[in-house]
Amino acid sequence: MDNVTADIQNAPLPTAQTLRRRNHVAYQAWRFVALNVRFVTMIFKGDH
């Protein structure tokens, strides 16, 4: 278990900008729409 603890402690922390993006509702809504457009495009093209 010591290996797991050491790995967690050495993991990189998110930057301030990353944290802002995670908490920004408009940014998350935009990403949600963009992802859904990609899904719909893939479904209509039949490349799945």
PDB file of N, CA and C in Angstrom:
ATOM      1  N   MET A   1       0.812  -1.201   0.000  1.00  0.00           N
ATOM      2  CA  MET A   1       0.000   0.000   0.000  1.00  0.00           C
ATOM      3  C   MET A   1       0.856   1.267   0.000  1.00  0.00           C
ATOM      4  N   ASP A   2       2.090   1.180   0.432  1.00  0.00           N
ATOM      5  CA  ASP A   2       2.941   2.367   0.457  1.00  0.00           C
ATOM      6  C   ASP A   2       3.175   2.909  -0.945  1.00  0.00           C
ATOM      7  N   ASN A   3       3.228   2.022  -1.929  1.00  0.00           N
ATOM      8  CA  ASN A   3       3.409   2.454  -3.314  1.00  0.00           C
ATOM      9  C   ASN A   3       2.243   3.310  -3.774  1.00  0.00           C
ATOM     10  N   VAL A   4       1.034   2.922  -3.412  1.00  0.00           N
ATOM     11  CA  VAL A   4      -0.157   3.668  -3.809  1.00  0.00           C
ATOM     12  C   VAL A   4      -0.141   5.052  -3.172  1.00  0.00           C
ATOM     13  N   THR A   5       0.190   5.127  -1.917  1.00  0.00           N
ATOM     14  CA  THR A   5       0.242   6.412  -1.221  1.00  0.00           C
ATOM     15  C   THR A   5       1.288   7.322  -1.852  1.00  0.00           C
ATOM     16  N   ALA A   6       2.429   6.778  -2.184  1.00  0.00           N
ATOM     17  CA  ALA A   6       3.487   7.570  -2.807  1.00  0.00           C
ATOM     18  C   ALA A   6       3.054   8.050  -4.186  1.00  0.00           C
ATOM     19  N   ASP A   7       2.367   7.202  -4.944  1.00  0.00           N
ATOM     20  CA  ASP A   7       1.892   7.592  -6.272  1.00  0.00           C
ATOM     21  C   ASP A   7       0.887   8.728  -6.182  1.00  0.00           C
ATOM     22  N   ILE A   8      -0.006   8.667  -5.219  1.00  0.00           N
ATOM     23  CA  ILE A   8      -1.014   9.718  -5.048  1.00  0.00           C
ATOM     24  C   ILE A   8      -0.347  11.026  -4.637  1.00  0.00           C
ATOM     25  N   GLN A   9       0.621  10.956  -3.757  1.00  0.00           N
ATOM     26  CA  GLN A   9       1.294  12.169  -3.295  1.00  0.00           C
ATOM     27  C   GLN A   9       2.111  12.818  -4.406  1.00  0.00           C
ATOM     28  N   ASN A  10       2.579  12.046  -5.366  1.00  0.00           N
ATOM     29  CA  ASN A  10       3.399  12.571  -6.450  1.00  0.00           C
ATOM     30  C   ASN A  10       2.584  12.944  -7.682  1.00  0.00           C
ATOM     31  N   ALA A  11       1.278  12.773  -7.622  1.00  0.00           N
ATOM     32  CA  ALA A  11       0.425  13.096  -8.760  1.00  0.00           C
ATOM     33  C   ALA A  11       0.396  14.614  -8.973  1.00  0.00           C
ATOM     34  N   PRO A  12       0.340  15.055 -10.240  1.00  0.00           N
ATOM     35  CA  PRO A  12       0.314  16.501 -10.487  1.00  0.00           C
ATOM     36  C   PRO A  12      -1.015  17.116 -10.054  1.00  0.00           C
ATOM     37  N   LEU A  13      -0.954  18.325  -9.548  1.00  0.00           N
ATOM     38  CA  LEU A  13      -2.153  19.052  -9.140  1.00  0.00           C
ATOM     39  C   LEU A  13      -2.667  19.875 -10.318  1.00  0.00           C
ATOM     40  N   PRO A  14      -3.993  20.066 -10.413  1.00  0.00           N
ATOM     41  CA  PRO A  14      -4.525  20.880 -11.503  1.00  0.00           C
ATOM     42  C   PRO A  14      -4.115  22.342 -11.342  1.00  0.00           C
ATOM     43  N   THR A  15      -3.944  23.009 -12.483  1.00  0.00           N
ATOM     44  CA  THR A  15      -3.583  24.428 -12.449  1.00  0.00           C
ATOM     45  C   THR A  15      -4.799  25.259 -12.068  1.00  0.00           C
ATOM     46  N   ALA A  16      -4.579  26.524 -11.787  1.00  0.00           N
ATOM     47  CA  ALA A  16      -5.684  27.426 -11.434  1.00  0.00           C
ATOM     48  C   ALA A  16      -6.668  27.542 -12.592  1.00  0.00           C
ATOM     49  N   GLN A  17      -6.154  27.582 -13.817  1.00  0.00           N
ATOM     50  CA  GLN A  17      -7.042  27.691 -14.982  1.00  0.00           C
ATOM     51  C   GLN A  17      -7.880  26.425 -15.145  1.00  0.00           C
ATOM     52  N   THR A  18      -7.310  25.274 -14.909  1.00  0.00           N
ATOM     53  CA  THR A  18      -8.060  24.031 -14.987  1.00  0.00           C
ATOM     54  C   THR A  18      -9.182  24.014 -13.961  1.00  0.00           C
ATOM     55  N   LEU A  19      -8.894  24.449 -12.760  1.00  0.00           N
ATOM     56  CA  LEU A  19      -9.923  24.497 -11.719  1.00  0.00           C
ATOM     57  C   LEU A  19     -11.033  25.474 -12.076  1.00  0.00           C
ATOM     58  N   ARG A  20     -10.662  26.627 -12.670  1.00  0.00           N
ATOM     59  CA  ARG A  20     -11.662  27.600 -13.096  1.00  0.00           C
ATOM     60  C   ARG A  20     -12.577  27.001 -14.157  1.00  0.00           C
ATOM     61  N   ARG A  21     -12.001  26.288 -15.120  1.00  0.00           N
ATOM     62  CA  ARG A  21     -12.802  25.666 -16.171  1.00  0.00           C
ATOM     63  C   ARG A  21     -13.747  24.613 -15.608  1.00  0.00           C
ATOM     64  N   ARG A  22     -13.301  23.866 -14.654  1.00  0.00           N
ATOM     65  CA  ARG A  22     -14.141  22.829 -14.052  1.00  0.00           C
ATOM     66  C   ARG A  22     -15.333  23.419 -13.318  1.00  0.00           C
ATOM     67  N   ASN A  23     -15.192  24.636 -12.802  1.00  0.00           N
ATOM     68  CA  ASN A  23     -16.253  25.260 -12.022  1.00  0.00           C
ATOM     69  C   ASN A  23     -17.092  26.244 -12.822  1.00  0.00           C
ATOM     70  N   HIS A  24     -16.731  26.523 -14.071  1.00  0.00           N
ATOM     71  CA  HIS A  24     -17.428  27.520 -14.881  1.00  0.00           C
ATOM     72  C   HIS A  24     -18.586  26.849 -15.622  1.00  0.00           C
ATOM     73  N   VAL A  25     -19.820  27.228 -15.272  1.00  0.00           N
ATOM     74  CA  VAL A  25     -21.011  26.568 -15.808  1.00  0.00           C
ATOM     75  C   VAL A  25     -21.130  26.760 -17.316  1.00  0.00           C
ATOM     76  N   ALA A  26     -20.861  27.963 -17.811  1.00  0.00           N
ATOM     77  CA  ALA A  26     -20.977  28.223 -19.249  1.00  0.00           C
ATOM     78  C   ALA A  26     -19.976  27.382 -20.042  1.00  0.00           C
ATOM     79  N   TYR A  27     -18.768  27.255 -19.543  1.00  0.00           N
ATOM     80  CA  TYR A  27     -17.756  26.434 -20.215  1.00  0.00           C
ATOM     81  C   TYR A  27     -18.194  24.972 -20.247  1.00  0.00           C
ATOM     82  N   GLN A  28     -18.722  24.475 -19.141  1.00  0.00           N
ATOM     83  CA  GLN A  28     -19.182  23.095 -19.095  1.00  0.00           C
ATOM     84  C   GLN A  28     -20.351  22.872 -20.040  1.00  0.00           C
ATOM     85  N   ALA A  29     -21.263  23.855 -20.125  1.00  0.00           N
ATOM     86  CA  ALA A  29     -22.395  23.737 -21.052  1.00  0.00           C
ATOM     87  C   ALA A  29     -21.898  23.681 -22.488  1.00  0.00           C
ATOM     88  N   TRP A  30     -20.923  24.523 -22.826  1.00  0.00           N
ATOM     89  CA  TRP A  30     -20.356  24.521 -24.178  1.00  0.00           C
ATOM     90  C   TRP A  30     -19.709  23.173 -24.492  1.00  0.00           C
ATOM     91  N   ARG A  31     -18.955  22.636 -23.575  1.00  0.00           N
ATOM     92  CA  ARG A  31     -18.306  21.338 -23.787  1.00  0.00           C
ATOM     93  C   ARG A  31     -19.360  20.234 -23.963  1.00  0.00           C
ATOM     94  N   PHE A  32     -20.448  20.306 -23.203  1.00  0.00           N
ATOM     95  CA  PHE A  32     -21.523  19.334 -23.301  1.00  0.00           C
ATOM     96  C   PHE A  32     -22.150  19.375 -24.691  1.00  0.00           C
ATOM     97  N   VAL A  33     -22.439  20.573 -25.180  1.00  0.00           N
ATOM     98  CA  VAL A  33     -23.027  20.727 -26.516  1.00  0.00           C
ATOM     99  C   VAL A  33     -22.058  20.229 -27.582  1.00  0.00           C
ATOM    100  N   ALA A  34     -20.797  20.587 -27.471  1.00  0.00           N
ATOM    101  CA  ALA A  34     -19.799  20.174 -28.457  1.00  0.00           C
ATOM    102  C   ALA A  34     -19.675  18.653 -28.495  1.00  0.00           C
ATOM    103  N   LEU A  35     -19.673  18.023 -27.349  1.00  0.00           N
ATOM    104  CA  LEU A  35     -19.571  16.567 -27.294  1.00  0.00           C
ATOM    105  C   LEU A  35     -20.781  15.909 -27.931  1.00  0.00           C
ATOM    106  N   ASN A  36     -21.981  16.442 -27.647  1.00  0.00           N
ATOM    107  CA  ASN A  36     -23.187  15.872 -28.223  1.00  0.00           C
ATOM    108  C   ASN A  36     -23.234  16.056 -29.737  1.00  0.00           C
ATOM    109  N   VAL A  37     -22.745  17.180 -30.233  1.00  0.00           N
ATOM    110  CA  VAL A  37     -22.685  17.389 -31.679  1.00  0.00           C
ATOM    111  C   VAL A  37     -21.754  16.362 -32.312  1.00  0.00           C
ATOM    112  N   ARG A  38     -20.639  16.088 -31.675  1.00  0.00           N
ATOM    113  CA  ARG A  38     -19.719  15.070 -32.193  1.00  0.00           C
ATOM    114  C   ARG A  38     -20.396  13.698 -32.238  1.00  0.00           C
ATOM    115  N   PHE A  39     -21.129  13.356 -31.182  1.00  0.00           N
ATOM    116  CA  PHE A  39     -21.830  12.071 -31.148  1.00  0.00           C
ATOM    117  C   PHE A  39     -22.861  11.973 -32.260  1.00  0.00           C
ATOM    118  N   VAL A  40     -23.667  13.006 -32.416  1.00  0.00           N
ATOM    119  CA  VAL A  40     -24.725  12.991 -33.433  1.00  0.00           C
ATOM    120  C   VAL A  40     -24.106  12.902 -34.820  1.00  0.00           C
ATOM    121  N   THR A  41     -23.035  13.642 -35.059  1.00  0.00           N
ATOM    122  CA  THR A  41     -22.357  13.591 -36.353  1.00  0.00           C
ATOM    123  C   THR A  41     -21.838  12.183 -36.619  1.00  0.00           C
ATOM    124  N   MET A  42     -21.234  11.563 -35.619  1.00  0.00           N
ATOM    125  CA  MET A  42     -20.707  10.210 -35.785  1.00  0.00           C
ATOM    126  C   MET A  42     -21.844   9.217 -36.084  1.00  0.00           C
ATOM    127  N   ILE A  43     -22.961   9.368 -35.410  1.00  0.00           N
ATOM    128  CA  ILE A  43     -24.087   8.462 -35.615  1.00  0.00           C
ATOM    129  C   ILE A  43     -24.656   8.605 -37.025  1.00  0.00           C
ATOM    130  N   PHE A  44     -24.815   9.855 -37.479  1.00  0.00           N
ATOM    131  CA  PHE A  44     -25.372  10.074 -38.814  1.00  0.00           C
ATOM    132  C   PHE A  44     -24.422   9.618 -39.907  1.00  0.00           C
ATOM    133  N   LYS A  45     -23.120   9.731 -39.682  1.00  0.00           N
ATOM    134  CA  LYS A  45     -22.148   9.282 -40.684  1.00  0.00           C
ATOM    135  C   LYS A  45     -22.055   7.771 -40.717  1.00  0.00           C
ATOM    136  N   GLY A  46     -22.366   7.135 -39.617  1.00  0.00           N
ATOM    137  CA  GLY A  46     -22.295   5.686 -39.549  1.00  0.00           C
ATOM    138  C   GLY A  46     -20.896   5.163 -39.320  1.00  0.00           C
ATOM    139  N   ASP A  47     -19.996   5.990 -38.810  1.00  0.00           N
ATOM    140  CA  ASP A  47     -18.616   5.585 -38.576  1.00  0.00           C
ATOM    141  C   ASP A  47     -18.379   5.031 -37.180  1.00  0.00           C
ATOM    142  N   HIS A  48     -19.399   4.564 -36.542  1.00  0.00           N
ATOM    143  CA  HIS A  48     -19.229   4.063 -35.185  1.00  0.00           C
ATOM    144  C   HIS A  48     -19.107   2.614 -35.251  1.00  0.00           C
TER     145      HIS A  48
END
